[in-house]
Amino acid sequence: MRRPGTPAVDTVPRRPADLYARGLSGAASRLLLRHEDGTTRPVPLATWIGAVTPVDRRVIERLHGPVLDVGCGPGRHVAALQR
């Protein structure tokens, strides 16, 4: 139930995997990050799952030796490292 004065928001999945799937399905434009102070901003999912940026590429080019992927994203950096 919504508290009085709180704006109505789309039903948001409670499990992170469901939220991620929702974003990948194209619903990312409706996903918002809510900060502790109550402000919101759109989830930058297209950037997160997109191709590596020039800045990412410069960082990747400086890496030497084995790299451990701890599984905290979609794998775009690991894919770039593999190439």
N, C-alpha and C. Protein backbone atom coordinates (compact mmCIF):
# COMPACT_ATOMS: atom_id res chain seq x y z
N MET A 1 0.83 -1.18 0.00
CA MET A 1 0.00 0.00 0.00
C MET A 1 0.88 1.24 0.00
N ARG A 2 0.46 2.24 -0.74
CA ARG A 2 1.22 3.46 -0.90
C ARG A 2 0.90 4.45 0.21
N ARG A 3 1.96 5.11 0.72
CA ARG A 3 1.75 6.14 1.73
C ARG A 3 1.12 7.37 1.09
N PRO A 4 0.26 8.10 1.79
CA PRO A 4 -0.34 9.31 1.24
C PRO A 4 0.77 10.29 0.82
N GLY A 5 0.60 10.89 -0.35
CA GLY A 5 1.57 11.86 -0.84
C GLY A 5 2.71 11.25 -1.63
N THR A 6 2.80 9.92 -1.66
CA THR A 6 3.86 9.25 -2.41
C THR A 6 3.36 9.01 -3.82
N PRO A 7 4.15 9.42 -4.84
CA PRO A 7 3.68 9.22 -6.22
C PRO A 7 3.56 7.74 -6.57
N ALA A 8 2.59 7.43 -7.40
CA ALA A 8 2.42 6.06 -7.86
C ALA A 8 3.58 5.71 -8.78
N VAL A 9 4.10 4.52 -8.66
CA VAL A 9 5.22 4.04 -9.47
C VAL A 9 4.84 2.68 -10.01
N ASP A 10 5.37 2.37 -11.23
CA ASP A 10 5.15 1.02 -11.77
C ASP A 10 5.55 0.00 -10.73
N THR A 11 4.91 -1.16 -10.76
CA THR A 11 5.30 -2.24 -9.88
C THR A 11 6.73 -2.64 -10.22
N VAL A 12 7.58 -2.63 -9.23
CA VAL A 12 9.00 -2.94 -9.43
C VAL A 12 9.27 -4.33 -8.89
N PRO A 13 9.92 -5.17 -9.69
CA PRO A 13 10.26 -6.50 -9.19
C PRO A 13 11.13 -6.39 -7.95
N ARG A 14 10.97 -7.30 -7.04
CA ARG A 14 11.75 -7.27 -5.79
C ARG A 14 13.09 -7.98 -5.92
N ARG A 15 13.17 -8.97 -6.82
CA ARG A 15 14.42 -9.70 -6.98
C ARG A 15 15.31 -8.98 -8.01
N PRO A 16 16.61 -8.82 -7.73
CA PRO A 16 17.50 -8.15 -8.67
C PRO A 16 17.49 -8.77 -10.07
N ALA A 17 17.40 -10.09 -10.16
CA ALA A 17 17.39 -10.74 -11.47
C ALA A 17 16.17 -10.31 -12.27
N ASP A 18 15.02 -10.14 -11.61
CA ASP A 18 13.82 -9.70 -12.30
C ASP A 18 13.95 -8.26 -12.77
N LEU A 19 14.57 -7.43 -11.95
CA LEU A 19 14.78 -6.03 -12.31
C LEU A 19 15.71 -5.94 -13.51
N TYR A 20 16.77 -6.73 -13.51
CA TYR A 20 17.72 -6.77 -14.62
C TYR A 20 17.02 -7.23 -15.90
N ALA A 21 16.22 -8.28 -15.80
CA ALA A 21 15.48 -8.79 -16.97
C ALA A 21 14.52 -7.73 -17.49
N ARG A 22 13.90 -7.01 -16.61
CA ARG A 22 12.98 -5.94 -17.02
C ARG A 22 13.73 -4.87 -17.81
N GLY A 23 14.91 -4.51 -17.32
CA GLY A 23 15.70 -3.52 -18.03
C GLY A 23 16.12 -4.00 -19.40
N LEU A 24 16.53 -5.26 -19.50
CA LEU A 24 16.95 -5.81 -20.78
C LEU A 24 15.80 -5.92 -21.77
N SER A 25 14.58 -6.00 -21.25
CA SER A 25 13.42 -6.15 -22.13
C SER A 25 13.00 -4.83 -22.76
N GLY A 26 13.70 -3.75 -22.43
CA GLY A 26 13.35 -2.46 -23.00
C GLY A 26 12.58 -1.57 -22.04
N ALA A 27 12.31 -2.06 -20.87
CA ALA A 27 11.57 -1.27 -19.89
C ALA A 27 12.48 -0.34 -19.10
N ALA A 28 13.75 -0.27 -19.46
CA ALA A 28 14.72 0.52 -18.70
C ALA A 28 14.34 1.99 -18.63
N SER A 29 13.63 2.49 -19.63
CA SER A 29 13.27 3.90 -19.62
C SER A 29 12.34 4.22 -18.46
N ARG A 30 11.70 3.21 -17.89
CA ARG A 30 10.79 3.42 -16.76
C ARG A 30 11.44 3.09 -15.42
N LEU A 31 12.68 2.59 -15.44
CA LEU A 31 13.35 2.25 -14.19
C LEU A 31 14.04 3.48 -13.63
N LEU A 32 13.88 3.68 -12.34
CA LEU A 32 14.49 4.83 -11.68
C LEU A 32 15.35 4.38 -10.51
N LEU A 33 16.44 5.08 -10.30
CA LEU A 33 17.23 4.90 -9.08
C LEU A 33 16.72 5.92 -8.08
N ARG A 34 16.42 5.47 -6.88
CA ARG A 34 15.97 6.40 -5.84
C ARG A 34 17.08 6.52 -4.81
N HIS A 35 17.55 7.74 -4.60
CA HIS A 35 18.62 8.01 -3.65
C HIS A 35 18.05 8.17 -2.25
N GLU A 36 18.92 8.12 -1.26
CA GLU A 36 18.47 8.23 0.13
C GLU A 36 17.71 9.52 0.41
N ASP A 37 18.05 10.60 -0.32
CA ASP A 37 17.37 11.87 -0.09
C ASP A 37 16.03 11.95 -0.83
N GLY A 38 15.65 10.87 -1.52
CA GLY A 38 14.36 10.83 -2.20
C GLY A 38 14.41 11.23 -3.67
N THR A 39 15.52 11.82 -4.11
CA THR A 39 15.62 12.19 -5.52
C THR A 39 15.75 10.93 -6.37
N THR A 40 15.34 11.04 -7.62
CA THR A 40 15.41 9.90 -8.53
C THR A 40 16.11 10.32 -9.82
N ARG A 41 16.60 9.32 -10.52
CA ARG A 41 17.15 9.53 -11.86
C ARG A 41 16.98 8.24 -12.64
N PRO A 42 16.91 8.33 -13.97
CA PRO A 42 16.75 7.11 -14.77
C PRO A 42 17.96 6.19 -14.62
N VAL A 43 17.71 4.89 -14.70
CA VAL A 43 18.79 3.90 -14.65
C VAL A 43 19.53 3.95 -15.99
N PRO A 44 20.86 4.15 -15.97
CA PRO A 44 21.61 4.24 -17.23
C PRO A 44 21.95 2.85 -17.79
N LEU A 45 20.93 2.02 -17.96
CA LEU A 45 21.15 0.63 -18.36
C LEU A 45 21.78 0.50 -19.74
N ALA A 46 21.42 1.38 -20.68
CA ALA A 46 21.99 1.29 -22.03
C ALA A 46 23.50 1.47 -21.98
N THR A 47 23.98 2.34 -21.12
CA THR A 47 25.42 2.54 -20.97
C THR A 47 26.05 1.32 -20.32
N TRP A 48 25.39 0.79 -19.31
CA TRP A 48 25.93 -0.33 -18.55
C TRP A 48 26.08 -1.59 -19.39
N ILE A 49 25.09 -1.85 -20.27
CA ILE A 49 25.15 -3.07 -21.08
C ILE A 49 25.70 -2.82 -22.48
N GLY A 50 26.00 -1.56 -22.80
CA GLY A 50 26.48 -1.22 -24.13
C GLY A 50 27.95 -1.59 -24.33
N ALA A 51 28.46 -1.13 -25.45
CA ALA A 51 29.86 -1.38 -25.79
C ALA A 51 30.78 -0.59 -24.85
N VAL A 52 32.02 -1.05 -24.76
CA VAL A 52 32.98 -0.31 -23.93
C VAL A 52 33.18 1.07 -24.52
N THR A 53 33.41 2.02 -23.65
CA THR A 53 33.62 3.41 -24.05
C THR A 53 35.11 3.64 -24.32
N PRO A 54 35.46 4.76 -24.93
CA PRO A 54 36.88 5.07 -25.10
C PRO A 54 37.64 5.09 -23.77
N VAL A 55 37.02 5.57 -22.71
CA VAL A 55 37.67 5.58 -21.39
C VAL A 55 37.89 4.15 -20.92
N ASP A 56 36.85 3.30 -21.05
CA ASP A 56 37.00 1.88 -20.69
C ASP A 56 38.16 1.26 -21.45
N ARG A 57 38.23 1.56 -22.74
CA ARG A 57 39.27 0.98 -23.60
C ARG A 57 40.67 1.39 -23.13
N ARG A 58 40.82 2.65 -22.75
CA ARG A 58 42.13 3.11 -22.25
C ARG A 58 42.52 2.37 -20.97
N VAL A 59 41.57 2.15 -20.09
CA VAL A 59 41.85 1.41 -18.85
C VAL A 59 42.22 -0.03 -19.18
N ILE A 60 41.46 -0.66 -20.06
CA ILE A 60 41.70 -2.06 -20.44
C ILE A 60 43.09 -2.22 -21.07
N GLU A 61 43.48 -1.26 -21.89
CA GLU A 61 44.79 -1.33 -22.55
C GLU A 61 45.95 -1.28 -21.56
N ARG A 62 45.72 -0.77 -20.36
CA ARG A 62 46.78 -0.67 -19.36
C ARG A 62 46.91 -1.91 -18.49
N LEU A 63 46.00 -2.86 -18.64
CA LEU A 63 46.03 -4.07 -17.81
C LEU A 63 47.09 -5.04 -18.29
N HIS A 64 47.74 -5.69 -17.34
CA HIS A 64 48.75 -6.70 -17.63
C HIS A 64 48.47 -7.92 -16.77
N GLY A 65 48.80 -9.08 -17.30
CA GLY A 65 48.66 -10.30 -16.50
C GLY A 65 47.25 -10.82 -16.45
N PRO A 66 47.02 -11.81 -15.63
CA PRO A 66 45.66 -12.38 -15.51
C PRO A 66 44.68 -11.35 -14.94
N VAL A 67 43.44 -11.45 -15.40
CA VAL A 67 42.37 -10.58 -14.91
C VAL A 67 41.25 -11.47 -14.39
N LEU A 68 40.73 -11.15 -13.22
CA LEU A 68 39.64 -11.92 -12.62
C LEU A 68 38.32 -11.19 -12.85
N ASP A 69 37.36 -11.87 -13.44
CA ASP A 69 36.01 -11.32 -13.60
C ASP A 69 35.20 -11.78 -12.40
N VAL A 70 34.78 -10.85 -11.56
CA VAL A 70 34.04 -11.21 -10.35
C VAL A 70 32.53 -11.24 -10.59
N GLY A 71 32.12 -11.10 -11.83
CA GLY A 71 30.71 -11.27 -12.16
C GLY A 71 29.80 -10.18 -11.64
N CYS A 72 30.21 -8.92 -11.74
CA CYS A 72 29.37 -7.84 -11.22
C CYS A 72 28.75 -7.01 -12.34
N GLY A 73 28.72 -7.53 -13.53
CA GLY A 73 28.14 -6.79 -14.65
C GLY A 73 27.84 -7.71 -15.81
N PRO A 74 27.53 -7.12 -16.97
CA PRO A 74 27.15 -7.94 -18.12
C PRO A 74 28.31 -8.56 -18.88
N GLY A 75 29.55 -8.26 -18.49
CA GLY A 75 30.70 -8.89 -19.12
C GLY A 75 31.29 -8.11 -20.28
N ARG A 76 30.90 -6.87 -20.47
CA ARG A 76 31.41 -6.11 -21.61
C ARG A 76 32.91 -5.86 -21.52
N HIS A 77 33.44 -5.67 -20.31
CA HIS A 77 34.88 -5.46 -20.16
C HIS A 77 35.65 -6.74 -20.42
N VAL A 78 35.14 -7.85 -19.94
CA VAL A 78 35.80 -9.13 -20.17
C VAL A 78 35.80 -9.46 -21.67
N ALA A 79 34.69 -9.17 -22.34
CA ALA A 79 34.64 -9.42 -23.79
C ALA A 79 35.67 -8.57 -24.52
N ALA A 80 35.85 -7.33 -24.09
CA ALA A 80 36.85 -6.45 -24.71
C ALA A 80 38.25 -6.97 -24.41
N LEU A 81 38.47 -7.47 -23.19
CA LEU A 81 39.77 -8.04 -22.85
C LEU A 81 40.07 -9.26 -23.69
N GLN A 82 39.08 -10.06 -23.93
CA GLN A 82 39.24 -11.27 -24.71
C GLN A 82 39.66 -10.95 -26.15
N ARG A 83 39.08 -9.89 -26.69
CA ARG A 83 39.41 -9.47 -28.05
C ARG A 83 40.83 -8.97 -28.07
